[in-house]
């Protein structure tokens, strides 16, 4: 089972992640919703589309723009629709088969 951990707390856990460019994309419903706060930040990937971001907040600590998702991914990246990935110090452990 893959897990995302930040601030000493498991913030996402799933057996159904998709790996793209080395990043584990978790199903949105496997992420603790109370730790995600909307961010106005976006970025553009030439082949995936426009990424939108969340701040991750755990126990009063804030990690700005530490999670991202593609609400409308390109057809080439359709498998990441409805999924969230992490970076910026969020530890992501790939599950062991």
PDB file of N, CA and C in Angstrom:
ATOM      1  N   UNK A   1       0.842  -1.185   0.000  1.00  0.00           N
ATOM      2  CA  UNK A   1       0.000   0.000   0.000  1.00  0.00           C
ATOM      3  C   UNK A   1       0.889   1.251   0.000  1.00  0.00           C
ATOM      4  N   UNK A   2       0.620   2.170  -0.887  1.00  0.00           N
ATOM      5  CA  UNK A   2       1.370   3.431  -0.932  1.00  0.00           C
ATOM      6  C   UNK A   2       0.824   4.373   0.125  1.00  0.00           C
ATOM      7  N   UNK A   3       1.734   5.153   0.726  1.00  0.00           N
ATOM      8  CA  UNK A   3       1.349   6.120   1.751  1.00  0.00           C
ATOM      9  C   UNK A   3       2.047   7.442   1.502  1.00  0.00           C
ATOM     10  N   UNK A   4       1.365   8.534   1.815  1.00  0.00           N
ATOM     11  CA  UNK A   4       1.964   9.874   1.828  1.00  0.00           C
ATOM     12  C   UNK A   4       1.925  10.344   3.277  1.00  0.00           C
ATOM     13  N   UNK A   5       3.080  10.806   3.772  1.00  0.00           N
ATOM     14  CA  UNK A   5       3.204  11.187   5.179  1.00  0.00           C
ATOM     15  C   UNK A   5       3.818  12.578   5.269  1.00  0.00           C
ATOM     16  N   UNK A   6       3.203  13.415   6.099  1.00  0.00           N
ATOM     17  CA  UNK A   6       3.781  14.733   6.362  1.00  0.00           C
ATOM     18  C   UNK A   6       3.400  15.153   7.769  1.00  0.00           C
ATOM     19  N   UNK A   7       4.336  15.769   8.451  1.00  0.00           N
ATOM     20  CA  UNK A   7       4.086  16.221   9.809  1.00  0.00           C
ATOM     21  C   UNK A   7       3.801  15.069  10.759  1.00  0.00           C
ATOM     22  N   UNK A   8       4.356  13.890  10.438  1.00  0.00           N
ATOM     23  CA  UNK A   8       4.155  12.730  11.286  1.00  0.00           C
ATOM     24  C   UNK A   8       2.808  12.064  11.132  1.00  0.00           C
ATOM     25  N   UNK A   9       2.042  12.464  10.129  1.00  0.00           N
ATOM     26  CA  UNK A   9       0.692  11.918   9.935  1.00  0.00           C
ATOM     27  C   UNK A   9       0.550  11.330   8.536  1.00  0.00           C
ATOM     28  N   UNK A  10      -0.095  10.172   8.447  1.00  0.00           N
ATOM     29  CA  UNK A  10      -0.419   9.606   7.136  1.00  0.00           C
ATOM     30  C   UNK A  10      -1.565  10.441   6.562  1.00  0.00           C
ATOM     31  N   UNK A  11      -1.301  11.067   5.415  1.00  0.00           N
ATOM     32  CA  UNK A  11      -2.316  11.940   4.819  1.00  0.00           C
ATOM     33  C   UNK A  11      -2.985  11.324   3.592  1.00  0.00           C
ATOM     34  N   UNK A  12      -2.400  10.223   3.088  1.00  0.00           N
ATOM     35  CA  UNK A  12      -3.010   9.486   1.975  1.00  0.00           C
ATOM     36  C   UNK A  12      -2.517   8.048   2.040  1.00  0.00           C
ATOM     37  N   UNK A  13      -3.397   7.132   1.650  1.00  0.00           N
ATOM     38  CA  UNK A  13      -3.052   5.713   1.695  1.00  0.00           C
ATOM     39  C   UNK A  13      -3.923   4.985   0.682  1.00  0.00           C
ATOM     40  N   UNK A  14      -3.281   4.194  -0.205  1.00  0.00           N
ATOM     41  CA  UNK A  14      -4.060   3.503  -1.229  1.00  0.00           C
ATOM     42  C   UNK A  14      -3.265   2.359  -1.856  1.00  0.00           C
ATOM     43  N   UNK A  15      -4.001   1.340  -2.288  1.00  0.00           N
ATOM     44  CA  UNK A  15      -3.437   0.258  -3.100  1.00  0.00           C
ATOM     45  C   UNK A  15      -3.644   0.537  -4.584  1.00  0.00           C
ATOM     46  N   UNK A  16      -4.222   1.688  -4.900  1.00  0.00           N
ATOM     47  CA  UNK A  16      -4.604   1.996  -6.273  1.00  0.00           C
ATOM     48  C   UNK A  16      -3.988   3.313  -6.738  1.00  0.00           C
ATOM     49  N   UNK A  17      -2.659   3.427  -6.646  1.00  0.00           N
ATOM     50  CA  UNK A  17      -1.999   4.634  -7.136  1.00  0.00           C
ATOM     51  C   UNK A  17      -1.562   4.422  -8.582  1.00  0.00           C
ATOM     52  N   UNK A  18      -1.357   5.538  -9.274  1.00  0.00           N
ATOM     53  CA  UNK A  18      -0.834   5.531 -10.638  1.00  0.00           C
ATOM     54  C   UNK A  18       0.488   6.281 -10.583  1.00  0.00           C
ATOM     55  N   UNK A  19       1.546   5.705 -11.164  1.00  0.00           N
ATOM     56  CA  UNK A  19       2.856   6.357 -11.163  1.00  0.00           C
ATOM     57  C   UNK A  19       3.096   7.009 -12.517  1.00  0.00           C
ATOM     58  N   UNK A  20       3.341   8.322 -12.485  1.00  0.00           N
ATOM     59  CA  UNK A  20       3.668   9.087 -13.692  1.00  0.00           C
ATOM     60  C   UNK A  20       4.883   9.933 -13.360  1.00  0.00           C
ATOM     61  N   UNK A  21       5.924   9.803 -14.175  1.00  0.00           N
ATOM     62  CA  UNK A  21       7.165  10.552 -13.982  1.00  0.00           C
ATOM     63  C   UNK A  21       7.706  10.403 -12.555  1.00  0.00           C
ATOM     64  N   UNK A  22       7.580   9.201 -11.988  1.00  0.00           N
ATOM     65  CA  UNK A  22       8.108   8.923 -10.659  1.00  0.00           C
ATOM     66  C   UNK A  22       7.240   9.390  -9.507  1.00  0.00           C
ATOM     67  N   UNK A  23       6.094  10.006  -9.803  1.00  0.00           N
ATOM     68  CA  UNK A  23       5.190  10.486  -8.754  1.00  0.00           C
ATOM     69  C   UNK A  23       4.012   9.538  -8.590  1.00  0.00           C
ATOM     70  N   UNK A  24       3.687   9.234  -7.336  1.00  0.00           N
ATOM     71  CA  UNK A  24       2.520   8.418  -7.027  1.00  0.00           C
ATOM     72  C   UNK A  24       1.294   9.339  -7.005  1.00  0.00           C
ATOM     73  N   UNK A  25       0.332   9.040  -7.852  1.00  0.00           N
ATOM     74  CA  UNK A  25      -0.931   9.788  -7.858  1.00  0.00           C
ATOM     75  C   UNK A  25      -1.970   8.954  -7.113  1.00  0.00           C
ATOM     76  N   UNK A  26      -2.444   9.494  -5.992  1.00  0.00           N
ATOM     77  CA  UNK A  26      -3.412   8.818  -5.140  1.00  0.00           C
ATOM     78  C   UNK A  26      -4.831   9.158  -5.576  1.00  0.00           C
ATOM     79  N   UNK A  27      -5.760   8.187  -5.491  1.00  0.00           N
ATOM     80  CA  UNK A  27      -7.162   8.545  -5.740  1.00  0.00           C
ATOM     81  C   UNK A  27      -7.579   9.639  -4.755  1.00  0.00           C
ATOM     82  N   UNK A  28      -8.324  10.616  -5.216  1.00  0.00           N
ATOM     83  CA  UNK A  28      -8.708  11.739  -4.350  1.00  0.00           C
ATOM     84  C   UNK A  28      -9.400  11.277  -3.077  1.00  0.00           C
ATOM     85  N   UNK A  29     -10.202  10.217  -3.161  1.00  0.00           N
ATOM     86  CA  UNK A  29     -10.918   9.767  -1.965  1.00  0.00           C
ATOM     87  C   UNK A  29     -10.033   9.024  -0.965  1.00  0.00           C
ATOM     88  N   UNK A  30      -8.752   8.798  -1.310  1.00  0.00           N
ATOM     89  CA  UNK A  30      -7.828   8.154  -0.370  1.00  0.00           C
ATOM     90  C   UNK A  30      -7.011   9.176   0.424  1.00  0.00           C
ATOM     91  N   UNK A  31      -7.212  10.460   0.117  1.00  0.00           N
ATOM     92  CA  UNK A  31      -6.472  11.536   0.776  1.00  0.00           C
ATOM     93  C   UNK A  31      -7.335  12.133   1.880  1.00  0.00           C
ATOM     94  N   UNK A  32      -6.726  12.383   3.042  1.00  0.00           N
ATOM     95  CA  UNK A  32      -7.445  13.018   4.159  1.00  0.00           C
ATOM     96  C   UNK A  32      -7.842  14.430   3.736  1.00  0.00           C
ATOM     97  N   UNK A  33      -9.112  14.645   3.515  1.00  0.00           N
ATOM     98  CA  UNK A  33      -9.589  15.935   2.994  1.00  0.00           C
ATOM     99  C   UNK A  33      -9.311  17.099   3.938  1.00  0.00           C
ATOM    100  N   UNK A  34      -9.313  16.846   5.242  1.00  0.00           N
ATOM    101  CA  UNK A  34      -9.114  17.947   6.188  1.00  0.00           C
ATOM    102  C   UNK A  34      -7.691  18.505   6.158  1.00  0.00           C
ATOM    103  N   UNK A  35      -6.755  17.853   5.490  1.00  0.00           N
ATOM    104  CA  UNK A  35      -5.386  18.385   5.427  1.00  0.00           C
ATOM    105  C   UNK A  35      -5.138  19.206   4.164  1.00  0.00           C
ATOM    106  N   UNK A  36      -6.071  19.164   3.212  1.00  0.00           N
ATOM    107  CA  UNK A  36      -5.894  19.892   1.952  1.00  0.00           C
ATOM    108  C   UNK A  36      -6.622  21.223   1.994  1.00  0.00           C
ATOM    109  N   UNK A  37      -5.886  22.290   1.669  1.00  0.00           N
ATOM    110  CA  UNK A  37      -6.463  23.633   1.601  1.00  0.00           C
ATOM    111  C   UNK A  37      -6.200  24.187   0.203  1.00  0.00           C
ATOM    112  N   UNK A  38      -7.219  24.728  -0.416  1.00  0.00           N
ATOM    113  CA  UNK A  38      -7.074  25.244  -1.778  1.00  0.00           C
ATOM    114  C   UNK A  38      -5.973  26.282  -1.890  1.00  0.00           C
ATOM    115  N   UNK A  39      -5.283  26.233  -3.018  1.00  0.00           N
ATOM    116  CA  UNK A  39      -4.252  27.207  -3.343  1.00  0.00           C
ATOM    117  C   UNK A  39      -4.594  27.808  -4.702  1.00  0.00           C
ATOM    118  N   UNK A  40      -4.294  29.085  -4.917  1.00  0.00           N
ATOM    119  CA  UNK A  40      -4.549  29.678  -6.228  1.00  0.00           C
ATOM    120  C   UNK A  40      -3.466  29.322  -7.257  1.00  0.00           C
ATOM    121  N   UNK A  41      -2.414  28.648  -6.814  1.00  0.00           N
ATOM    122  CA  UNK A  41      -1.264  28.358  -7.675  1.00  0.00           C
ATOM    123  C   UNK A  41      -1.612  27.324  -8.755  1.00  0.00           C
ATOM    124  N   UNK A  42      -1.103  27.553  -9.954  1.00  0.00           N
ATOM    125  CA  UNK A  42      -1.211  26.589 -11.044  1.00  0.00           C
ATOM    126  C   UNK A  42       0.129  26.508 -11.760  1.00  0.00           C
ATOM    127  N   UNK A  43       0.321  25.454 -12.509  1.00  0.00           N
ATOM    128  CA  UNK A  43       1.486  25.329 -13.387  1.00  0.00           C
ATOM    129  C   UNK A  43       1.047  24.537 -14.608  1.00  0.00           C
ATOM    130  N   UNK A  44       1.832  24.639 -15.664  1.00  0.00           N
ATOM    131  CA  UNK A  44       1.459  23.970 -16.910  1.00  0.00           C
ATOM    132  C   UNK A  44       2.515  22.946 -17.278  1.00  0.00           C
ATOM    133  N   UNK A  45       2.062  21.741 -17.558  1.00  0.00           N
ATOM    134  CA  UNK A  45       2.917  20.680 -18.083  1.00  0.00           C
ATOM    135  C   UNK A  45       2.580  20.538 -19.560  1.00  0.00           C
ATOM    136  N   UNK A  46       3.581  20.517 -20.428  1.00  0.00           N
ATOM    137  CA  UNK A  46       3.299  20.448 -21.867  1.00  0.00           C
ATOM    138  C   UNK A  46       2.487  19.221 -22.291  1.00  0.00           C
ATOM    139  N   UNK A  47       2.602  18.126 -21.562  1.00  0.00           N
ATOM    140  CA  UNK A  47       1.849  16.948 -22.012  1.00  0.00           C
ATOM    141  C   UNK A  47       0.713  16.533 -21.078  1.00  0.00           C
ATOM    142  N   UNK A  48       0.713  17.001 -19.832  1.00  0.00           N
ATOM    143  CA  UNK A  48      -0.379  16.626 -18.916  1.00  0.00           C
ATOM    144  C   UNK A  48      -1.468  17.691 -18.826  1.00  0.00           C
ATOM    145  N   UNK A  49      -1.108  18.954 -18.998  1.00  0.00           N
ATOM    146  CA  UNK A  49      -2.089  20.035 -18.909  1.00  0.00           C
ATOM    147  C   UNK A  49      -1.788  20.966 -17.743  1.00  0.00           C
ATOM    148  N   UNK A  50      -2.822  21.623 -17.221  1.00  0.00           N
ATOM    149  CA  UNK A  50      -2.671  22.595 -16.142  1.00  0.00           C
ATOM    150  C   UNK A  50      -2.883  21.928 -14.792  1.00  0.00           C
ATOM    151  N   UNK A  51      -1.860  22.021 -13.938  1.00  0.00           N
ATOM    152  CA  UNK A  51      -1.946  21.476 -12.580  1.00  0.00           C
ATOM    153  C   UNK A  51      -2.475  22.548 -11.643  1.00  0.00           C
ATOM    154  N   UNK A  52      -3.310  22.130 -10.732  1.00  0.00           N
ATOM    155  CA  UNK A  52      -3.809  22.982  -9.649  1.00  0.00           C
ATOM    156  C   UNK A  52      -3.236  22.423  -8.347  1.00  0.00           C
ATOM    157  N   UNK A  53      -3.115  23.276  -7.334  1.00  0.00           N
ATOM    158  CA  UNK A  53      -2.398  22.887  -6.119  1.00  0.00           C
ATOM    159  C   UNK A  53      -3.247  23.015  -4.863  1.00  0.00           C
ATOM    160  N   UNK A  54      -2.805  22.288  -3.843  1.00  0.00           N
ATOM    161  CA  UNK A  54      -3.331  22.407  -2.487  1.00  0.00           C
ATOM    162  C   UNK A  54      -2.163  22.683  -1.547  1.00  0.00           C
ATOM    163  N   UNK A  55      -2.419  23.448  -0.493  1.00  0.00           N
ATOM    164  CA  UNK A  55      -1.505  23.507   0.635  1.00  0.00           C
ATOM    165  C   UNK A  55      -1.841  22.288   1.491  1.00  0.00           C
ATOM    166  N   UNK A  56      -0.837  21.739   2.160  1.00  0.00           N
ATOM    167  CA  UNK A  56      -1.071  20.632   3.089  1.00  0.00           C
ATOM    168  C   UNK A  56      -0.892  21.185   4.494  1.00  0.00           C
ATOM    169  N   UNK A  57      -1.898  20.988   5.344  1.00  0.00           N
ATOM    170  CA  UNK A  57      -1.841  21.490   6.720  1.00  0.00           C
ATOM    171  C   UNK A  57      -2.075  20.334   7.694  1.00  0.00           C
ATOM    172  N   UNK A  58      -1.120  20.177   8.623  1.00  0.00           N
ATOM    173  CA  UNK A  58      -1.197  19.133   9.646  1.00  0.00           C
ATOM    174  C   UNK A  58      -0.801  19.746  10.979  1.00  0.00           C
ATOM    175  N   UNK A  59      -1.661  19.626  11.966  1.00  0.00           N
ATOM    176  CA  UNK A  59      -1.365  20.087  13.328  1.00  0.00           C
ATOM    177  C   UNK A  59      -0.793  21.507  13.372  1.00  0.00           C
ATOM    178  N   UNK A  60      -1.408  22.416  12.614  1.00  0.00           N
ATOM    179  CA  UNK A  60      -0.995  23.809  12.613  1.00  0.00           C
ATOM    180  C   UNK A  60       0.204  24.127  11.729  1.00  0.00           C
ATOM    181  N   UNK A  61       0.804  23.112  11.105  1.00  0.00           N
ATOM    182  CA  UNK A  61       1.922  23.336  10.185  1.00  0.00           C
ATOM    183  C   UNK A  61       1.380  23.392   8.760  1.00  0.00           C
ATOM    184  N   UNK A  62       1.931  24.309   7.955  1.00  0.00           N
ATOM    185  CA  UNK A  62       1.462  24.480   6.580  1.00  0.00           C
ATOM    186  C   UNK A  62       2.612  24.253   5.605  1.00  0.00           C
ATOM    187  N   UNK A  63       2.365  23.421   4.607  1.00  0.00           N
ATOM    188  CA  UNK A  63       3.319  23.143   3.535  1.00  0.00           C
ATOM    189  C   UNK A  63       2.666  23.654   2.254  1.00  0.00           C
ATOM    190  N   UNK A  64       3.108  24.831   1.808  1.00  0.00           N
ATOM    191  CA  UNK A  64       2.439  25.493   0.690  1.00  0.00           C
ATOM    192  C   UNK A  64       2.650  24.761  -0.632  1.00  0.00           C
ATOM    193  N   UNK A  65       1.550  24.597  -1.355  1.00  0.00           N
ATOM    194  CA  UNK A  65       1.554  23.993  -2.692  1.00  0.00           C
ATOM    195  C   UNK A  65       2.230  22.626  -2.720  1.00  0.00           C
ATOM    196  N   UNK A  66       2.027  21.829  -1.679  1.00  0.00           N
ATOM    197  CA  UNK A  66       2.698  20.537  -1.550  1.00  0.00           C
ATOM    198  C   UNK A  66       1.937  19.384  -2.199  1.00  0.00           C
ATOM    199  N   UNK A  67       0.738  19.661  -2.691  1.00  0.00           N
ATOM    200  CA  UNK A  67      -0.036  18.632  -3.387  1.00  0.00           C
ATOM    201  C   UNK A  67      -0.570  19.236  -4.677  1.00  0.00           C
ATOM    202  N   UNK A  68      -0.674  18.405  -5.706  1.00  0.00           N
ATOM    203  CA  UNK A  68      -1.214  18.918  -6.970  1.00  0.00           C
ATOM    204  C   UNK A  68      -2.092  17.873  -7.642  1.00  0.00           C
ATOM    205  N   UNK A  69      -2.912  18.373  -8.550  1.00  0.00           N
ATOM    206  CA  UNK A  69      -3.822  17.511  -9.310  1.00  0.00           C
ATOM    207  C   UNK A  69      -4.119  18.185 -10.640  1.00  0.00           C
ATOM    208  N   UNK A  70      -4.604  17.392 -11.571  1.00  0.00           N
ATOM    209  CA  UNK A  70      -4.981  17.881 -12.897  1.00  0.00           C
ATOM    210  C   UNK A  70      -6.483  17.696 -13.068  1.00  0.00           C
ATOM    211  N   UNK A  71      -7.279  18.767 -12.889  1.00  0.00           N
ATOM    212  CA  UNK A  71      -8.730  18.610 -13.015  1.00  0.00           C
ATOM    213  C   UNK A  71      -9.165  18.227 -14.427  1.00  0.00           C
ATOM    214  N   UNK A  72      -8.423  18.671 -15.412  1.00  0.00           N
ATOM    215  CA  UNK A  72      -8.728  18.358 -16.819  1.00  0.00           C
ATOM    216  C   UNK A  72      -7.443  17.920 -17.517  1.00  0.00           C
ATOM    217  N   UNK A  73      -6.926  16.730 -17.197  1.00  0.00           N
ATOM    218  CA  UNK A  73      -5.676  16.312 -17.830  1.00  0.00           C
ATOM    219  C   UNK A  73      -5.863  16.073 -19.329  1.00  0.00           C
ATOM    220  N   UNK A  74      -4.775  16.165 -20.052  1.00  0.00           N
ATOM    221  CA  UNK A  74      -4.825  15.896 -21.491  1.00  0.00           C
ATOM    222  C   UNK A  74      -5.178  14.423 -21.715  1.00  0.00           C
ATOM    223  N   UNK A  75      -5.608  14.074 -22.912  1.00  0.00           N
ATOM    224  CA  UNK A  75      -5.915  12.665 -23.203  1.00  0.00           C
ATOM    225  C   UNK A  75      -4.722  11.742 -22.910  1.00  0.00           C
ATOM    226  N   UNK A  76      -3.497  12.222 -23.116  1.00  0.00           N
ATOM    227  CA  UNK A  76      -2.306  11.400 -22.857  1.00  0.00           C
ATOM    228  C   UNK A  76      -2.122  11.091 -21.374  1.00  0.00           C
ATOM    229  N   UNK A  77      -2.740  11.903 -20.508  1.00  0.00           N
ATOM    230  CA  UNK A  77      -2.585  11.725 -19.057  1.00  0.00           C
ATOM    231  C   UNK A  77      -3.911  11.409 -18.374  1.00  0.00           C
ATOM    232  N   UNK A  78      -4.841  10.862 -19.119  1.00  0.00           N
ATOM    233  CA  UNK A  78      -6.191  10.644 -18.575  1.00  0.00           C
ATOM    234  C   UNK A  78      -6.209   9.770 -17.325  1.00  0.00           C
ATOM    235  N   UNK A  79      -5.204   8.918 -17.142  1.00  0.00           N
ATOM    236  CA  UNK A  79      -5.193   8.021 -15.974  1.00  0.00           C
ATOM    237  C   UNK A  79      -4.978   8.751 -14.649  1.00  0.00           C
ATOM    238  N   UNK A  80      -4.582  10.045 -14.692  1.00  0.00           N
ATOM    239  CA  UNK A  80      -4.400  10.786 -13.432  1.00  0.00           C
ATOM    240  C   UNK A  80      -5.590  11.682 -13.081  1.00  0.00           C
ATOM    241  N   UNK A  81      -6.631  11.644 -13.887  1.00  0.00           N
ATOM    242  CA  UNK A  81      -7.847  12.407 -13.559  1.00  0.00           C
ATOM    243  C   UNK A  81      -8.389  11.908 -12.218  1.00  0.00           C
ATOM    244  N   UNK A  82      -8.746  12.842 -11.336  1.00  0.00           N
ATOM    245  CA  UNK A  82      -9.295  12.461 -10.037  1.00  0.00           C
ATOM    246  C   UNK A  82      -8.252  11.972  -9.047  1.00  0.00           C
ATOM    247  N   UNK A  83      -6.979  12.286  -9.299  1.00  0.00           N
ATOM    248  CA  UNK A  83      -5.888  11.825  -8.441  1.00  0.00           C
ATOM    249  C   UNK A  83      -5.039  12.996  -7.972  1.00  0.00           C
ATOM    250  N   UNK A  84      -4.354  12.798  -6.850  1.00  0.00           N
ATOM    251  CA  UNK A  84      -3.552  13.848  -6.215  1.00  0.00           C
ATOM    252  C   UNK A  84      -2.152  13.309  -5.954  1.00  0.00           C
ATOM    253  N   UNK A  85      -1.140  14.121  -6.234  1.00  0.00           N
ATOM    254  CA  UNK A  85       0.255  13.755  -5.974  1.00  0.00           C
ATOM    255  C   UNK A  85       0.865  14.762  -4.994  1.00  0.00           C
ATOM    256  N   UNK A  86       2.014  14.393  -4.425  1.00  0.00           N
ATOM    257  CA  UNK A  86       2.651  15.203  -3.379  1.00  0.00           C
ATOM    258  C   UNK A  86       4.134  15.413  -3.661  1.00  0.00           C
ATOM    259  N   UNK A  87       4.676  16.485  -3.065  1.00  0.00           N
ATOM    260  CA  UNK A  87       6.104  16.780  -3.118  1.00  0.00           C
ATOM    261  C   UNK A  87       6.434  17.715  -1.973  1.00  0.00           C
ATOM    262  N   UNK A  88       7.565  18.417  -2.050  1.00  0.00           N
ATOM    263  CA  UNK A  88       7.964  19.437  -1.064  1.00  0.00           C
ATOM    264  C   UNK A  88       8.033  18.884   0.353  1.00  0.00           C
ATOM    265  N   UNK A  89       8.705  17.758   0.510  1.00  0.00           N
ATOM    266  CA  UNK A  89       8.908  17.214   1.841  1.00  0.00           C
ATOM    267  C   UNK A  89       7.868  16.222   2.296  1.00  0.00           C
ATOM    268  N   UNK A  90       6.807  16.042   1.517  1.00  0.00           N
ATOM    269  CA  UNK A  90       5.845  14.988   1.849  1.00  0.00           C
ATOM    270  C   UNK A  90       6.503  13.665   1.467  1.00  0.00           C
ATOM    271  N   UNK A  91       6.642  12.771   2.423  1.00  0.00           N
ATOM    272  CA  UNK A  91       7.252  11.476   2.184  1.00  0.00           C
ATOM    273  C   UNK A  91       6.239  10.543   1.546  1.00  0.00           C
ATOM    274  N   UNK A  92       6.579  10.007   0.383  1.00  0.00           N
ATOM    275  CA  UNK A  92       5.688   9.066  -0.287  1.00  0.00           C
ATOM    276  C   UNK A  92       6.380   7.727  -0.332  1.00  0.00           C
ATOM    277  N   UNK A  93       5.763   6.742   0.281  1.00  0.00           N
ATOM    278  CA  UNK A  93       6.298   5.387   0.318  1.00  0.00           C
ATOM    279  C   UNK A  93       5.489   4.522  -0.626  1.00  0.00           C
ATOM    280  N   UNK A  94       6.169   3.910  -1.591  1.00  0.00           N
ATOM    281  CA  UNK A  94       5.486   3.003  -2.503  1.00  0.00           C
ATOM    282  C   UNK A  94       5.171   1.719  -1.750  1.00  0.00           C
ATOM    283  N   UNK A  95       4.026   1.172  -2.035  1.00  0.00           N
ATOM    284  CA  UNK A  95       3.634  -0.084  -1.387  1.00  0.00           C
ATOM    285  C   UNK A  95       4.517  -1.230  -1.840  1.00  0.00           C
ATOM    286  N   UNK A  96       4.615  -2.216  -1.007  1.00  0.00           N
ATOM    287  CA  UNK A  96       5.370  -3.416  -1.354  1.00  0.00           C
ATOM    288  C   UNK A  96       4.363  -4.495  -1.728  1.00  0.00           C
ATOM    289  N   UNK A  97       4.367  -4.860  -3.012  1.00  0.00           N
ATOM    290  CA  UNK A  97       3.511  -5.810  -3.645  1.00  0.00           C
ATOM    291  C   UNK A  97       2.764  -6.715  -2.839  1.00  0.00           C
TER     292      UNK A  97
END
